[in-house]
C-alpha atoms as a PDB file:
ATOM      1  CA  GLN A   1      17.209 -14.635  16.014  1.00  0.00           C
ATOM      2  CA  ARG A   2      17.933 -18.128  14.752  1.00  0.00           C
ATOM      3  CA  VAL A   3      14.586 -18.469  12.950  1.00  0.00           C
ATOM      4  CA  TYR A   4      15.436 -15.533  10.697  1.00  0.00           C
ATOM      5  CA  HIS A   5      18.974 -16.691   9.864  1.00  0.00           C
ATOM      6  CA  PRO A   6      19.277 -17.586   6.135  1.00  0.00           C
ATOM      7  CA  ASP A   7      20.757 -21.019   6.982  1.00  0.00           C
ATOM      8  CA  TYR A   8      18.014 -21.922   9.458  1.00  0.00           C
ATOM      9  CA  ASN A   9      16.166 -25.120   8.590  1.00  0.00           C
ATOM     10  CA  ASN A  10      13.684 -26.736  10.954  1.00  0.00           C
ATOM     11  CA  GLU A  11      13.130 -29.733   8.663  1.00  0.00           C
ATOM     12  CA  LEU A  12      13.869 -32.642  11.008  1.00  0.00           C
ATOM     13  CA  THR A  13      13.802 -35.290   8.279  1.00  0.00           C
ATOM     14  CA  GLN A  14      17.394 -34.343   7.447  1.00  0.00           C
ATOM     15  CA  PHE A  15      18.396 -36.067  10.707  1.00  0.00           C
ATOM     16  CA  LEU A  16      16.503 -39.318  10.123  1.00  0.00           C
ATOM     17  CA  PRO A  17      18.241 -42.438   8.773  1.00  0.00           C
ATOM     18  CA  ARG A  18      17.955 -42.856   5.027  1.00  0.00           C
ATOM     19  CA  THR A  19      18.885 -45.611   2.609  1.00  0.00           C
ATOM     20  CA  VAL A  20      21.470 -44.870  -0.061  1.00  0.00           C
ATOM     21  CA  VAL A  21      22.102 -47.487  -2.748  1.00  0.00           C
ATOM     22  CA  LEU A  22      25.512 -47.537  -4.415  1.00  0.00           C
ATOM     23  CA  LYS A  23      26.580 -50.246  -6.851  1.00  0.00           C
ATOM     24  CA  LYS A  24      30.315 -50.605  -7.312  1.00  0.00           C
ATOM     25  CA  PRO A  25      31.440 -51.835 -10.723  1.00  0.00           C
ATOM     26  CA  PRO A  26      34.520 -54.098 -10.665  1.00  0.00           C
ATOM     27  CA  GLY A  27      37.698 -52.040 -10.305  1.00  0.00           C
ATOM     28  CA  ALA A  28      35.803 -48.843  -9.498  1.00  0.00           C
ATOM     29  CA  GLN A  29      35.691 -46.854  -6.278  1.00  0.00           C
ATOM     30  CA  LEU A  30      32.580 -45.716  -4.419  1.00  0.00           C
ATOM     31  CA  GLY A  31      33.791 -42.150  -4.035  1.00  0.00           C
ATOM     32  CA  PHE A  32      34.003 -41.646  -0.292  1.00  0.00           C
ATOM     33  CA  ASN A  33      36.311 -42.206   2.702  1.00  0.00           C
ATOM     34  CA  ILE A  34      35.342 -43.307   6.200  1.00  0.00           C
ATOM     35  CA  ARG A  35      36.669 -42.781   9.726  1.00  0.00           C
ATOM     36  CA  GLY A  36      35.924 -44.207  13.108  1.00  0.00           C
ATOM     37  CA  GLY A  37      34.967 -47.667  14.181  1.00  0.00           C
ATOM     38  CA  LYS A  38      34.819 -49.690  17.346  1.00  0.00           C
ATOM     39  CA  ALA A  39      38.132 -48.290  18.663  1.00  0.00           C
ATOM     40  CA  SER A  40      36.773 -44.732  18.583  1.00  0.00           C
ATOM     41  CA  GLN A  41      33.462 -45.801  20.193  1.00  0.00           C
ATOM     42  CA  LEU A  42      31.642 -43.432  17.847  1.00  0.00           C
ATOM     43  CA  GLY A  43      30.706 -45.547  14.839  1.00  0.00           C
ATOM     44  CA  ILE A  44      31.725 -45.237  11.194  1.00  0.00           C
ATOM     45  CA  PHE A  45      31.336 -41.823   9.559  1.00  0.00           C
ATOM     46  CA  ILE A  46      31.886 -40.426   6.073  1.00  0.00           C
ATOM     47  CA  SER A  47      35.040 -38.298   6.266  1.00  0.00           C
ATOM     48  CA  LYS A  48      35.286 -37.266   2.606  1.00  0.00           C
ATOM     49  CA  VAL A  49      33.059 -37.404  -0.467  1.00  0.00           C
ATOM     50  CA  ILE A  50      34.728 -37.110  -3.863  1.00  0.00           C
ATOM     51  CA  PRO A  51      33.002 -34.450  -6.019  1.00  0.00           C
ATOM     52  CA  ASP A  52      31.060 -35.861  -8.999  1.00  0.00           C
ATOM     53  CA  SER A  53      31.385 -39.429  -7.657  1.00  0.00           C
ATOM     54  CA  ASP A  54      28.507 -41.894  -7.377  1.00  0.00           C
ATOM     55  CA  ALA A  55      28.499 -41.229  -3.619  1.00  0.00           C
ATOM     56  CA  HIS A  56      28.209 -37.469  -4.217  1.00  0.00           C
ATOM     57  CA  ARG A  57      25.387 -37.923  -6.716  1.00  0.00           C
ATOM     58  CA  ALA A  58      23.595 -40.241  -4.250  1.00  0.00           C
ATOM     59  CA  GLY A  59      23.619 -37.475  -1.633  1.00  0.00           C
ATOM     60  CA  LEU A  60      26.266 -38.742   0.796  1.00  0.00           C
ATOM     61  CA  GLN A  61      27.810 -35.946   2.835  1.00  0.00           C
ATOM     62  CA  GLU A  62      30.791 -35.596   5.126  1.00  0.00           C
ATOM     63  CA  GLY A  63      29.609 -36.358   8.644  1.00  0.00           C
ATOM     64  CA  ASP A  64      26.977 -38.923   7.626  1.00  0.00           C
ATOM     65  CA  GLN A  65      27.075 -42.041   9.789  1.00  0.00           C
ATOM     66  CA  VAL A  66      27.185 -45.443   8.082  1.00  0.00           C
ATOM     67  CA  LEU A  67      24.685 -47.619   9.949  1.00  0.00           C
ATOM     68  CA  SER A  68      24.820 -50.758   7.798  1.00  0.00           C
ATOM     69  CA  VAL A  69      26.167 -52.099   4.507  1.00  0.00           C
ATOM     70  CA  ASN A  70      24.701 -55.140   2.745  1.00  0.00           C
ATOM     71  CA  ASP A  71      22.696 -55.948   5.904  1.00  0.00           C
ATOM     72  CA  VAL A  72      25.846 -55.853   8.093  1.00  0.00           C
ATOM     73  CA  ASP A  73      25.463 -53.609  11.159  1.00  0.00           C
ATOM     74  CA  PHE A  74      28.239 -50.978  11.160  1.00  0.00           C
ATOM     75  CA  GLN A  75      27.387 -49.402  14.514  1.00  0.00           C
ATOM     76  CA  ASP A  76      29.872 -51.587  16.404  1.00  0.00           C
ATOM     77  CA  ILE A  77      32.370 -52.637  13.727  1.00  0.00           C
ATOM     78  CA  GLU A  78      36.121 -52.155  13.467  1.00  0.00           C
ATOM     79  CA  HIS A  79      37.368 -49.799  10.757  1.00  0.00           C
ATOM     80  CA  SER A  80      39.731 -52.466   9.398  1.00  0.00           C
ATOM     81  CA  LYS A  81      36.898 -54.902   8.483  1.00  0.00           C
END
């Protein structure tokens, strides 16, 4: 049964939006790649997180959806922006 599987987790907070703060020093990278955008009609998602990067240490994971950045709504934005 699913409840007894070692990977089972019924903690629903893992699916709630969360705020992640990353500050990018000049010339540095944030440590993640994105995919998607308005053309895909799915939103912007994290496609890769570089190990030991600021993004990795902040808890970003592949598959996370980017909802907004600096108060800009990313739910209906083009990838090229």
